[in-house]
């Protein structure tokens, strides 16, 4: 599991600006992708718990972890493209099939350079 408290290596914003900073140029679209499985043990426990009402903690923890990894990969892609920040951050997710117990998490945005 990743440390969800670790700061990112560059500013990332869901808006199209970085507060207090001027955008000098646009680099282009960037993304971070992960396909995550809960694993046999987590899938079994999660499936069993899903029969009751309430949060399925095993699935929540796995998806939180996957989202953070996707975000870290987005930042790495932005750095590789020469960006110094990411604006317009969005997330998308897809269920890869209930029988496989996998989910795709995609983080995407626009890499920019800051003045």
PDB file of N, CA and C in Angstrom:
ATOM      1  N   UNK A   1       0.824  -1.169   0.000  1.00  0.00           N
ATOM      2  CA  UNK A   1       0.000   0.000   0.000  1.00  0.00           C
ATOM      3  C   UNK A   1       0.878   1.247   0.000  1.00  0.00           C
ATOM      4  N   UNK A   2       0.423   2.290  -0.720  1.00  0.00           N
ATOM      5  CA  UNK A   2       1.206   3.514  -0.778  1.00  0.00           C
ATOM      6  C   UNK A   2       0.870   4.412   0.404  1.00  0.00           C
ATOM      7  N   UNK A   3       1.750   5.353   0.677  1.00  0.00           N
ATOM      8  CA  UNK A   3       1.520   6.324   1.737  1.00  0.00           C
ATOM      9  C   UNK A   3       0.701   7.467   1.147  1.00  0.00           C
ATOM     10  N   UNK A   4      -0.576   7.543   1.503  1.00  0.00           N
ATOM     11  CA  UNK A   4      -1.468   8.538   0.935  1.00  0.00           C
ATOM     12  C   UNK A   4      -1.155   9.951   1.410  1.00  0.00           C
ATOM     13  N   UNK A   5      -0.285  10.095   2.397  1.00  0.00           N
ATOM     14  CA  UNK A   5       0.076  11.407   2.913  1.00  0.00           C
ATOM     15  C   UNK A   5       1.305  11.998   2.224  1.00  0.00           C
ATOM     16  N   UNK A   6       1.986  11.213   1.376  1.00  0.00           N
ATOM     17  CA  UNK A   6       3.176  11.684   0.700  1.00  0.00           C
ATOM     18  C   UNK A   6       2.814  12.770  -0.298  1.00  0.00           C
ATOM     19  N   UNK A   7       3.457  13.949  -0.201  1.00  0.00           N
ATOM     20  CA  UNK A   7       3.142  15.021  -1.152  1.00  0.00           C
ATOM     21  C   UNK A   7       3.624  14.657  -2.565  1.00  0.00           C
ATOM     22  N   UNK A   8       2.928  15.187  -3.553  1.00  0.00           N
ATOM     23  CA  UNK A   8       3.310  14.945  -4.940  1.00  0.00           C
ATOM     24  C   UNK A   8       4.528  15.784  -5.300  1.00  0.00           C
ATOM     25  N   UNK A   9       5.236  15.381  -6.346  1.00  0.00           N
ATOM     26  CA  UNK A   9       6.481  16.039  -6.745  1.00  0.00           C
ATOM     27  C   UNK A   9       6.253  17.367  -7.465  1.00  0.00           C
ATOM     28  N   UNK A  10       4.996  17.695  -7.778  1.00  0.00           N
ATOM     29  CA  UNK A  10       4.688  18.959  -8.449  1.00  0.00           C
ATOM     30  C   UNK A  10       3.265  19.367  -8.107  1.00  0.00           C
ATOM     31  N   UNK A  11       2.935  20.643  -8.329  1.00  0.00           N
ATOM     32  CA  UNK A  11       1.552  21.068  -8.086  1.00  0.00           C
ATOM     33  C   UNK A  11       0.590  20.394  -9.071  1.00  0.00           C
ATOM     34  N   UNK A  12      -0.543  19.951  -8.544  1.00  0.00           N
ATOM     35  CA  UNK A  12      -1.595  19.342  -9.354  1.00  0.00           C
ATOM     36  C   UNK A  12      -2.913  19.975  -8.914  1.00  0.00           C
ATOM     37  N   UNK A  13      -3.724  20.400  -9.902  1.00  0.00           N
ATOM     38  CA  UNK A  13      -4.969  21.084  -9.589  1.00  0.00           C
ATOM     39  C   UNK A  13      -6.119  20.552 -10.433  1.00  0.00           C
ATOM     40  N   UNK A  14      -7.295  20.478  -9.834  1.00  0.00           N
ATOM     41  CA  UNK A  14      -8.484  20.098 -10.595  1.00  0.00           C
ATOM     42  C   UNK A  14      -9.006  21.271 -11.417  1.00  0.00           C
ATOM     43  N   UNK A  15      -8.582  22.474 -11.101  1.00  0.00           N
ATOM     44  CA  UNK A  15      -8.964  23.651 -11.879  1.00  0.00           C
ATOM     45  C   UNK A  15      -7.963  23.831 -13.020  1.00  0.00           C
ATOM     46  N   UNK A  16      -8.166  24.850 -13.823  1.00  0.00           N
ATOM     47  CA  UNK A  16      -7.272  25.082 -14.961  1.00  0.00           C
ATOM     48  C   UNK A  16      -6.228  26.150 -14.661  1.00  0.00           C
ATOM     49  N   UNK A  17      -5.910  26.264 -13.377  1.00  0.00           N
ATOM     50  CA  UNK A  17      -4.870  27.185 -12.944  1.00  0.00           C
ATOM     51  C   UNK A  17      -4.240  26.666 -11.659  1.00  0.00           C
ATOM     52  N   UNK A  18      -3.075  27.183 -11.362  1.00  0.00           N
ATOM     53  CA  UNK A  18      -2.413  26.905 -10.085  1.00  0.00           C
ATOM     54  C   UNK A  18      -2.460  28.225  -9.312  1.00  0.00           C
ATOM     55  N   UNK A  19      -3.222  28.291  -8.232  1.00  0.00           N
ATOM     56  CA  UNK A  19      -3.366  29.551  -7.501  1.00  0.00           C
ATOM     57  C   UNK A  19      -2.021  30.178  -7.146  1.00  0.00           C
ATOM     58  N   UNK A  20      -1.897  31.463  -7.472  1.00  0.00           N
ATOM     59  CA  UNK A  20      -0.682  32.204  -7.155  1.00  0.00           C
ATOM     60  C   UNK A  20       0.461  32.002  -8.134  1.00  0.00           C
ATOM     61  N   UNK A  21       0.244  31.219  -9.186  1.00  0.00           N
ATOM     62  CA  UNK A  21       1.296  30.945 -10.175  1.00  0.00           C
ATOM     63  C   UNK A  21       0.761  31.219 -11.571  1.00  0.00           C
ATOM     64  N   UNK A  22       1.623  31.712 -12.431  1.00  0.00           N
ATOM     65  CA  UNK A  22       1.245  31.954 -13.828  1.00  0.00           C
ATOM     66  C   UNK A  22       1.674  30.768 -14.685  1.00  0.00           C
ATOM     67  N   UNK A  23       0.827  30.390 -15.614  1.00  0.00           N
ATOM     68  CA  UNK A  23       1.169  29.308 -16.544  1.00  0.00           C
ATOM     69  C   UNK A  23       1.941  29.907 -17.711  1.00  0.00           C
ATOM     70  N   UNK A  24       3.160  29.413 -17.915  1.00  0.00           N
ATOM     71  CA  UNK A  24       4.017  29.915 -18.995  1.00  0.00           C
ATOM     72  C   UNK A  24       3.744  29.211 -20.312  1.00  0.00           C
ATOM     73  N   UNK A  25       3.361  27.941 -20.248  1.00  0.00           N
ATOM     74  CA  UNK A  25       3.101  27.204 -21.482  1.00  0.00           C
ATOM     75  C   UNK A  25       2.392  25.897 -21.213  1.00  0.00           C
ATOM     76  N   UNK A  26       1.741  25.403 -22.256  1.00  0.00           N
ATOM     77  CA  UNK A  26       1.051  24.119 -22.178  1.00  0.00           C
ATOM     78  C   UNK A  26       1.924  23.052 -22.820  1.00  0.00           C
ATOM     79  N   UNK A  27       2.106  21.939 -22.124  1.00  0.00           N
ATOM     80  CA  UNK A  27       2.917  20.830 -22.614  1.00  0.00           C
ATOM     81  C   UNK A  27       2.041  19.821 -23.358  1.00  0.00           C
ATOM     82  N   UNK A  28       0.913  19.464 -22.765  1.00  0.00           N
ATOM     83  CA  UNK A  28       0.005  18.536 -23.410  1.00  0.00           C
ATOM     84  C   UNK A  28      -0.646  17.583 -22.435  1.00  0.00           C
ATOM     85  N   UNK A  29      -1.490  16.688 -22.958  1.00  0.00           N
ATOM     86  CA  UNK A  29      -2.197  15.757 -22.090  1.00  0.00           C
ATOM     87  C   UNK A  29      -1.258  14.731 -21.458  1.00  0.00           C
ATOM     88  N   UNK A  30      -1.557  14.407 -20.204  1.00  0.00           N
ATOM     89  CA  UNK A  30      -0.777  13.400 -19.481  1.00  0.00           C
ATOM     90  C   UNK A  30      -1.745  12.504 -18.724  1.00  0.00           C
ATOM     91  N   UNK A  31      -1.279  11.298 -18.412  1.00  0.00           N
ATOM     92  CA  UNK A  31      -2.146  10.353 -17.725  1.00  0.00           C
ATOM     93  C   UNK A  31      -1.345   9.405 -16.860  1.00  0.00           C
ATOM     94  N   UNK A  32      -2.039   8.790 -15.933  1.00  0.00           N
ATOM     95  CA  UNK A  32      -1.499   7.725 -15.098  1.00  0.00           C
ATOM     96  C   UNK A  32      -2.558   6.648 -15.010  1.00  0.00           C
ATOM     97  N   UNK A  33      -2.183   5.421 -15.251  1.00  0.00           N
ATOM     98  CA  UNK A  33      -3.144   4.329 -15.331  1.00  0.00           C
ATOM     99  C   UNK A  33      -2.704   3.164 -14.454  1.00  0.00           C
ATOM    100  N   UNK A  34      -3.680   2.535 -13.812  1.00  0.00           N
ATOM    101  CA  UNK A  34      -3.426   1.301 -13.075  1.00  0.00           C
ATOM    102  C   UNK A  34      -4.673   0.425 -13.176  1.00  0.00           C
ATOM    103  N   UNK A  35      -4.444  -0.858 -13.349  1.00  0.00           N
ATOM    104  CA  UNK A  35      -5.513  -1.848 -13.256  1.00  0.00           C
ATOM    105  C   UNK A  35      -5.224  -2.633 -11.993  1.00  0.00           C
ATOM    106  N   UNK A  36      -6.175  -2.631 -11.087  1.00  0.00           N
ATOM    107  CA  UNK A  36      -5.933  -3.177  -9.764  1.00  0.00           C
ATOM    108  C   UNK A  36      -6.904  -4.316  -9.462  1.00  0.00           C
ATOM    109  N   UNK A  37      -6.377  -5.382  -8.889  1.00  0.00           N
ATOM    110  CA  UNK A  37      -7.198  -6.494  -8.427  1.00  0.00           C
ATOM    111  C   UNK A  37      -7.215  -6.468  -6.910  1.00  0.00           C
ATOM    112  N   UNK A  38      -8.313  -6.864  -6.333  1.00  0.00           N
ATOM    113  CA  UNK A  38      -8.373  -6.937  -4.875  1.00  0.00           C
ATOM    114  C   UNK A  38      -7.656  -8.163  -4.356  1.00  0.00           C
ATOM    115  N   UNK A  39      -7.341  -9.106  -5.236  1.00  0.00           N
ATOM    116  CA  UNK A  39      -6.703 -10.346  -4.821  1.00  0.00           C
ATOM    117  C   UNK A  39      -7.750 -11.323  -4.321  1.00  0.00           C
ATOM    118  N   UNK A  40      -7.404 -12.571  -4.294  1.00  0.00           N
ATOM    119  CA  UNK A  40      -8.366 -13.613  -3.930  1.00  0.00           C
ATOM    120  C   UNK A  40      -8.904 -13.423  -2.514  1.00  0.00           C
ATOM    121  N   UNK A  41      -8.031 -13.121  -1.563  1.00  0.00           N
ATOM    122  CA  UNK A  41      -8.478 -12.956  -0.177  1.00  0.00           C
ATOM    123  C   UNK A  41      -9.375 -11.754  -0.005  1.00  0.00           C
ATOM    124  N   UNK A  42      -8.952 -10.611  -0.540  1.00  0.00           N
ATOM    125  CA  UNK A  42      -9.763  -9.398  -0.444  1.00  0.00           C
ATOM    126  C   UNK A  42     -11.054  -9.526  -1.206  1.00  0.00           C
ATOM    127  N   UNK A  43     -10.990 -10.181  -2.365  1.00  0.00           N
ATOM    128  CA  UNK A  43     -12.191 -10.360  -3.168  1.00  0.00           C
ATOM    129  C   UNK A  43     -13.198 -11.239  -2.432  1.00  0.00           C
ATOM    130  N   UNK A  44     -12.724 -12.304  -1.809  1.00  0.00           N
ATOM    131  CA  UNK A  44     -13.605 -13.200  -1.066  1.00  0.00           C
ATOM    132  C   UNK A  44     -14.248 -12.472   0.113  1.00  0.00           C
ATOM    133  N   UNK A  45     -13.410 -11.784   0.916  1.00  0.00           N
ATOM    134  CA  UNK A  45     -13.937 -11.061   2.067  1.00  0.00           C
ATOM    135  C   UNK A  45     -14.879  -9.949   1.630  1.00  0.00           C
ATOM    136  N   UNK A  46     -14.490  -9.234   0.561  1.00  0.00           N
ATOM    137  CA  UNK A  46     -15.329  -8.145   0.065  1.00  0.00           C
ATOM    138  C   UNK A  46     -16.650  -8.639  -0.482  1.00  0.00           C
ATOM    139  N   UNK A  47     -16.626  -9.736  -1.214  1.00  0.00           N
ATOM    140  CA  UNK A  47     -17.865 -10.300  -1.752  1.00  0.00           C
ATOM    141  C   UNK A  47     -18.782 -10.740  -0.626  1.00  0.00           C
ATOM    142  N   UNK A  48     -18.205 -11.372   0.393  1.00  0.00           N
ATOM    143  CA  UNK A  48     -18.996 -11.808   1.547  1.00  0.00           C
ATOM    144  C   UNK A  48     -19.624 -10.609   2.248  1.00  0.00           C
ATOM    145  N   UNK A  49     -18.829  -9.546   2.461  1.00  0.00           N
ATOM    146  CA  UNK A  49     -19.334  -8.361   3.150  1.00  0.00           C
ATOM    147  C   UNK A  49     -20.367  -7.609   2.310  1.00  0.00           C
ATOM    148  N   UNK A  50     -20.273  -7.717   0.977  1.00  0.00           N
ATOM    149  CA  UNK A  50     -21.211  -6.985   0.121  1.00  0.00           C
ATOM    150  C   UNK A  50     -22.628  -7.512   0.255  1.00  0.00           C
ATOM    151  N   UNK A  51     -22.795  -8.646   0.878  1.00  0.00           N
ATOM    152  CA  UNK A  51     -24.140  -9.195   1.098  1.00  0.00           C
ATOM    153  C   UNK A  51     -24.870  -8.417   2.195  1.00  0.00           C
ATOM    154  N   UNK A  52     -24.114  -7.677   3.008  1.00  0.00           N
ATOM    155  CA  UNK A  52     -24.698  -6.846   4.051  1.00  0.00           C
ATOM    156  C   UNK A  52     -24.674  -5.399   3.581  1.00  0.00           C
ATOM    157  N   UNK A  53     -25.461  -4.560   4.238  1.00  0.00           N
ATOM    158  CA  UNK A  53     -25.457  -3.147   3.927  1.00  0.00           C
ATOM    159  C   UNK A  53     -24.254  -2.482   4.570  1.00  0.00           C
ATOM    160  N   UNK A  54     -23.656  -1.495   3.897  1.00  0.00           N
ATOM    161  CA  UNK A  54     -22.550  -0.745   4.470  1.00  0.00           C
ATOM    162  C   UNK A  54     -21.328  -0.764   3.581  1.00  0.00           C
ATOM    163  N   UNK A  55     -20.306  -0.073   4.024  1.00  0.00           N
ATOM    164  CA  UNK A  55     -19.062   0.051   3.264  1.00  0.00           C
ATOM    165  C   UNK A  55     -18.299  -1.265   3.257  1.00  0.00           C
ATOM    166  N   UNK A  56     -17.693  -1.564   2.112  1.00  0.00           N
ATOM    167  CA  UNK A  56     -16.825  -2.735   1.987  1.00  0.00           C
ATOM    168  C   UNK A  56     -15.391  -2.197   2.051  1.00  0.00           C
ATOM    169  N   UNK A  57     -14.848  -2.205   3.245  1.00  0.00           N
ATOM    170  CA  UNK A  57     -13.562  -1.568   3.532  1.00  0.00           C
ATOM    171  C   UNK A  57     -12.437  -2.132   2.668  1.00  0.00           C
ATOM    172  N   UNK A  58     -12.447  -3.435   2.392  1.00  0.00           N
ATOM    173  CA  UNK A  58     -11.385  -4.050   1.582  1.00  0.00           C
ATOM    174  C   UNK A  58     -11.336  -3.425   0.187  1.00  0.00           C
ATOM    175  N   UNK A  59     -12.497  -3.166  -0.390  1.00  0.00           N
ATOM    176  CA  UNK A  59     -12.538  -2.570  -1.721  1.00  0.00           C
ATOM    177  C   UNK A  59     -12.184  -1.089  -1.670  1.00  0.00           C
ATOM    178  N   UNK A  60     -12.658  -0.385  -0.643  1.00  0.00           N
ATOM    179  CA  UNK A  60     -12.361   1.047  -0.503  1.00  0.00           C
ATOM    180  C   UNK A  60     -10.859   1.280  -0.388  1.00  0.00           C
ATOM    181  N   UNK A  61     -10.196   0.522   0.468  1.00  0.00           N
ATOM    182  CA  UNK A  61      -8.755   0.681   0.665  1.00  0.00           C
ATOM    183  C   UNK A  61      -7.996   0.390  -0.617  1.00  0.00           C
ATOM    184  N   UNK A  62      -8.392  -0.632  -1.338  1.00  0.00           N
ATOM    185  CA  UNK A  62      -7.724  -0.994  -2.582  1.00  0.00           C
ATOM    186  C   UNK A  62      -7.887   0.104  -3.636  1.00  0.00           C
ATOM    187  N   UNK A  63      -9.083   0.676  -3.728  1.00  0.00           N
ATOM    188  CA  UNK A  63      -9.317   1.728  -4.716  1.00  0.00           C
ATOM    189  C   UNK A  63      -8.639   3.036  -4.336  1.00  0.00           C
ATOM    190  N   UNK A  64      -8.574   3.369  -3.054  1.00  0.00           N
ATOM    191  CA  UNK A  64      -7.846   4.561  -2.614  1.00  0.00           C
ATOM    192  C   UNK A  64      -6.365   4.437  -2.975  1.00  0.00           C
ATOM    193  N   UNK A  65      -5.810   3.275  -2.735  1.00  0.00           N
ATOM    194  CA  UNK A  65      -4.418   3.010  -3.054  1.00  0.00           C
ATOM    195  C   UNK A  65      -4.182   3.123  -4.561  1.00  0.00           C
ATOM    196  N   UNK A  66      -5.067   2.535  -5.344  1.00  0.00           N
ATOM    197  CA  UNK A  66      -4.937   2.577  -6.803  1.00  0.00           C
ATOM    198  C   UNK A  66      -5.036   4.005  -7.319  1.00  0.00           C
ATOM    199  N   UNK A  67      -5.935   4.794  -6.751  1.00  0.00           N
ATOM    200  CA  UNK A  67      -6.074   6.194  -7.183  1.00  0.00           C
ATOM    201  C   UNK A  67      -4.794   6.975  -6.913  1.00  0.00           C
ATOM    202  N   UNK A  68      -4.174   6.741  -5.762  1.00  0.00           N
ATOM    203  CA  UNK A  68      -2.927   7.445  -5.437  1.00  0.00           C
ATOM    204  C   UNK A  68      -1.796   7.022  -6.392  1.00  0.00           C
ATOM    205  N   UNK A  69      -1.713   5.745  -6.711  1.00  0.00           N
ATOM    206  CA  UNK A  69      -0.692   5.269  -7.664  1.00  0.00           C
ATOM    207  C   UNK A  69      -0.923   5.887  -9.034  1.00  0.00           C
ATOM    208  N   UNK A  70      -2.183   5.951  -9.486  1.00  0.00           N
ATOM    209  CA  UNK A  70      -2.496   6.568 -10.780  1.00  0.00           C
ATOM    210  C   UNK A  70      -2.067   8.030 -10.780  1.00  0.00           C
ATOM    211  N   UNK A  71      -2.278   8.736  -9.671  1.00  0.00           N
ATOM    212  CA  UNK A  71      -1.882  10.135  -9.550  1.00  0.00           C
ATOM    213  C   UNK A  71      -0.363  10.283  -9.601  1.00  0.00           C
ATOM    214  N   UNK A  72       0.361   9.405  -8.907  1.00  0.00           N
ATOM    215  CA  UNK A  72       1.826   9.443  -8.950  1.00  0.00           C
ATOM    216  C   UNK A  72       2.336   9.182 -10.370  1.00  0.00           C
ATOM    217  N   UNK A  73       1.698   8.265 -11.093  1.00  0.00           N
ATOM    218  CA  UNK A  73       2.098   7.971 -12.477  1.00  0.00           C
ATOM    219  C   UNK A  73       1.792   9.146 -13.400  1.00  0.00           C
ATOM    220  N   UNK A  74       0.700   9.863 -13.141  1.00  0.00           N
ATOM    221  CA  UNK A  74       0.379  11.070 -13.894  1.00  0.00           C
ATOM    222  C   UNK A  74       1.498  12.096 -13.733  1.00  0.00           C
ATOM    223  N   UNK A  75       1.934  12.303 -12.502  1.00  0.00           N
ATOM    224  CA  UNK A  75       3.016  13.256 -12.225  1.00  0.00           C
ATOM    225  C   UNK A  75       4.303  12.824 -12.932  1.00  0.00           C
ATOM    226  N   UNK A  76       4.625  11.538 -12.885  1.00  0.00           N
ATOM    227  CA  UNK A  76       5.827  11.033 -13.575  1.00  0.00           C
ATOM    228  C   UNK A  76       5.733  11.283 -15.082  1.00  0.00           C
ATOM    229  N   UNK A  77       4.552  11.071 -15.662  1.00  0.00           N
ATOM    230  CA  UNK A  77       4.367  11.314 -17.096  1.00  0.00           C
ATOM    231  C   UNK A  77       4.532  12.802 -17.413  1.00  0.00           C
ATOM    232  N   UNK A  78       3.973  13.671 -16.562  1.00  0.00           N
ATOM    233  CA  UNK A  78       4.114  15.116 -16.755  1.00  0.00           C
ATOM    234  C   UNK A  78       5.577  15.536 -16.689  1.00  0.00           C
ATOM    235  N   UNK A  79       6.320  15.007 -15.726  1.00  0.00           N
ATOM    236  CA  UNK A  79       7.748  15.331 -15.602  1.00  0.00           C
ATOM    237  C   UNK A  79       8.517  14.858 -16.834  1.00  0.00           C
ATOM    238  N   UNK A  80       8.204  13.664 -17.319  1.00  0.00           N
ATOM    239  CA  UNK A  80       8.885  13.116 -18.499  1.00  0.00           C
ATOM    240  C   UNK A  80       8.612  13.957 -19.743  1.00  0.00           C
ATOM    241  N   UNK A  81       7.466  14.631 -19.776  1.00  0.00           N
ATOM    242  CA  UNK A  81       7.115  15.470 -20.918  1.00  0.00           C
ATOM    243  C   UNK A  81       7.638  16.900 -20.768  1.00  0.00           C
ATOM    244  N   UNK A  82       8.244  17.205 -19.629  1.00  0.00           N
ATOM    245  CA  UNK A  82       8.799  18.542 -19.398  1.00  0.00           C
ATOM    246  C   UNK A  82       7.880  19.471 -18.630  1.00  0.00           C
ATOM    247  N   UNK A  83       6.793  18.959 -18.093  1.00  0.00           N
ATOM    248  CA  UNK A  83       5.869  19.789 -17.323  1.00  0.00           C
ATOM    249  C   UNK A  83       6.372  20.046 -15.918  1.00  0.00           C
ATOM    250  N   UNK A  84       5.905  21.161 -15.353  1.00  0.00           N
ATOM    251  CA  UNK A  84       6.244  21.487 -13.967  1.00  0.00           C
ATOM    252  C   UNK A  84       4.996  21.531 -13.084  1.00  0.00           C
ATOM    253  N   UNK A  85       3.829  21.295 -13.686  1.00  0.00           N
ATOM    254  CA  UNK A  85       2.564  21.230 -12.952  1.00  0.00           C
ATOM    255  C   UNK A  85       1.531  20.538 -13.842  1.00  0.00           C
ATOM    256  N   UNK A  86       0.418  20.128 -13.223  1.00  0.00           N
ATOM    257  CA  UNK A  86      -0.699  19.529 -13.965  1.00  0.00           C
ATOM    258  C   UNK A  86      -1.963  20.277 -13.579  1.00  0.00           C
ATOM    259  N   UNK A  87      -2.736  20.685 -14.588  1.00  0.00           N
ATOM    260  CA  UNK A  87      -4.021  21.338 -14.352  1.00  0.00           C
ATOM    261  C   UNK A  87      -5.134  20.489 -14.964  1.00  0.00           C
ATOM    262  N   UNK A  88      -6.353  20.735 -14.514  1.00  0.00           N
ATOM    263  CA  UNK A  88      -7.505  20.017 -15.052  1.00  0.00           C
ATOM    264  C   UNK A  88      -7.531  18.547 -14.689  1.00  0.00           C
ATOM    265  N   UNK A  89      -7.013  18.206 -13.505  1.00  0.00           N
ATOM    266  CA  UNK A  89      -6.969  16.804 -13.084  1.00  0.00           C
ATOM    267  C   UNK A  89      -8.363  16.203 -13.024  1.00  0.00           C
ATOM    268  N   UNK A  90      -8.502  15.009 -13.580  1.00  0.00           N
ATOM    269  CA  UNK A  90      -9.743  14.248 -13.503  1.00  0.00           C
ATOM    270  C   UNK A  90      -9.393  12.784 -13.270  1.00  0.00           C
ATOM    271  N   UNK A  91     -10.352  12.040 -12.743  1.00  0.00           N
ATOM    272  CA  UNK A  91     -10.216  10.599 -12.574  1.00  0.00           C
ATOM    273  C   UNK A  91     -11.339   9.910 -13.334  1.00  0.00           C
ATOM    274  N   UNK A  92     -11.041   8.736 -13.831  1.00  0.00           N
ATOM    275  CA  UNK A  92     -12.037   7.886 -14.466  1.00  0.00           C
ATOM    276  C   UNK A  92     -11.784   6.472 -13.967  1.00  0.00           C
ATOM    277  N   UNK A  93     -12.835   5.686 -13.838  1.00  0.00           N
ATOM    278  CA  UNK A  93     -12.656   4.298 -13.411  1.00  0.00           C
ATOM    279  C   UNK A  93     -13.586   3.403 -14.203  1.00  0.00           C
ATOM    280  N   UNK A  94     -13.141   2.189 -14.391  1.00  0.00           N
ATOM    281  CA  UNK A  94     -13.907   1.199 -15.122  1.00  0.00           C
ATOM    282  C   UNK A  94     -13.813  -0.126 -14.395  1.00  0.00           C
ATOM    283  N   UNK A  95     -14.939  -0.789 -14.257  1.00  0.00           N
ATOM    284  CA  UNK A  95     -14.976  -2.137 -13.687  1.00  0.00           C
ATOM    285  C   UNK A  95     -14.552  -3.099 -14.790  1.00  0.00           C
ATOM    286  N   UNK A  96     -13.519  -3.878 -14.530  1.00  0.00           N
ATOM    287  CA  UNK A  96     -12.998  -4.799 -15.547  1.00  0.00           C
ATOM    288  C   UNK A  96     -13.737  -6.139 -15.506  1.00  0.00           C
ATOM    289  N   UNK A  97     -14.862  -6.183 -14.851  1.00  0.00           N
ATOM    290  CA  UNK A  97     -15.631  -7.421 -14.776  1.00  0.00           C
ATOM    291  C   UNK A  97     -15.709  -7.916 -13.352  1.00  0.00           C
ATOM    292  N   UNK A  98     -16.910  -8.170 -12.898  1.00  0.00           N
ATOM    293  CA  UNK A  98     -17.074  -8.605 -11.516  1.00  0.00           C
ATOM    294  C   UNK A  98     -16.450  -9.968 -11.264  1.00  0.00           C
ATOM    295  N   UNK A  99     -16.394 -10.818 -12.281  1.00  0.00           N
ATOM    296  CA  UNK A  99     -15.812 -12.144 -12.063  1.00  0.00           C
ATOM    297  C   UNK A  99     -14.299 -12.065 -11.897  1.00  0.00           C
ATOM    298  N   UNK A 100     -13.660 -11.059 -12.530  1.00  0.00           N
ATOM    299  CA  UNK A 100     -12.215 -10.909 -12.381  1.00  0.00           C
ATOM    300  C   UNK A 100     -11.848 -10.095 -11.146  1.00  0.00           C
ATOM    301  N   UNK A 101     -12.768  -9.268 -10.633  1.00  0.00           N
ATOM    302  CA  UNK A 101     -12.497  -8.455  -9.450  1.00  0.00           C
ATOM    303  C   UNK A 101     -11.438  -7.407  -9.686  1.00  0.00           C
ATOM    304  N   UNK A 102     -11.415  -6.802 -10.880  1.00  0.00           N
ATOM    305  CA  UNK A 102     -10.408  -5.791 -11.205  1.00  0.00           C
ATOM    306  C   UNK A 102     -11.078  -4.473 -11.560  1.00  0.00           C
ATOM    307  N   UNK A 103     -10.367  -3.392 -11.290  1.00  0.00           N
ATOM    308  CA  UNK A 103     -10.840  -2.063 -11.649  1.00  0.00           C
ATOM    309  C   UNK A 103      -9.695  -1.292 -12.286  1.00  0.00           C
ATOM    310  N   UNK A 104     -10.027  -0.524 -13.319  1.00  0.00           N
ATOM    311  CA  UNK A 104      -9.062   0.374 -13.962  1.00  0.00           C
ATOM    312  C   UNK A 104      -9.285   1.758 -13.382  1.00  0.00           C
ATOM    313  N   UNK A 105      -8.206   2.402 -12.966  1.00  0.00           N
ATOM    314  CA  UNK A 105      -8.258   3.771 -12.476  1.00  0.00           C
ATOM    315  C   UNK A 105      -7.354   4.601 -13.378  1.00  0.00           C
ATOM    316  N   UNK A 106      -7.894   5.664 -13.950  1.00  0.00           N
ATOM    317  CA  UNK A 106      -7.152   6.553 -14.837  1.00  0.00           C
ATOM    318  C   UNK A 106      -7.171   7.955 -14.264  1.00  0.00           C
ATOM    319  N   UNK A 107      -6.006   8.548 -14.108  1.00  0.00           N
ATOM    320  CA  UNK A 107      -5.876   9.965 -13.739  1.00  0.00           C
ATOM    321  C   UNK A 107      -5.381  10.681 -14.983  1.00  0.00           C
ATOM    322  N   UNK A 108      -6.033  11.795 -15.338  1.00  0.00           N
ATOM    323  CA  UNK A 108      -5.586  12.514 -16.521  1.00  0.00           C
ATOM    324  C   UNK A 108      -5.730  14.015 -16.334  1.00  0.00           C
ATOM    325  N   UNK A 109      -4.943  14.757 -17.082  1.00  0.00           N
ATOM    326  CA  UNK A 109      -4.955  16.209 -17.000  1.00  0.00           C
ATOM    327  C   UNK A 109      -4.044  16.786 -18.066  1.00  0.00           C
ATOM    328  N   UNK A 110      -3.711  18.060 -17.910  1.00  0.00           N
ATOM    329  CA  UNK A 110      -2.858  18.760 -18.851  1.00  0.00           C
ATOM    330  C   UNK A 110      -1.581  19.191 -18.152  1.00  0.00           C
ATOM    331  N   UNK A 111      -0.449  18.774 -18.696  1.00  0.00           N
ATOM    332  CA  UNK A 111       0.840  19.211 -18.150  1.00  0.00           C
ATOM    333  C   UNK A 111       1.122  20.634 -18.645  1.00  0.00           C
ATOM    334  N   UNK A 112       1.604  21.460 -17.743  1.00  0.00           N
ATOM    335  CA  UNK A 112       1.958  22.840 -18.069  1.00  0.00           C
ATOM    336  C   UNK A 112       3.324  23.158 -17.472  1.00  0.00           C
ATOM    337  N   UNK A 113       3.875  24.279 -17.940  1.00  0.00           N
ATOM    338  CA  UNK A 113       5.074  24.814 -17.304  1.00  0.00           C
ATOM    339  C   UNK A 113       4.655  26.095 -16.589  1.00  0.00           C
ATOM    340  N   UNK A 114       5.209  26.296 -15.420  1.00  0.00           N
ATOM    341  CA  UNK A 114       4.893  27.476 -14.637  1.00  0.00           C
ATOM    342  C   UNK A 114       5.969  28.539 -14.815  1.00  0.00           C
ATOM    343  N   UNK A 115       5.531  29.804 -14.765  1.00  0.00           N
ATOM    344  CA  UNK A 115       6.474  30.916 -14.901  1.00  0.00           C
ATOM    345  C   UNK A 115       7.280  31.065 -13.623  1.00  0.00           C
TER     346      UNK A 115
END
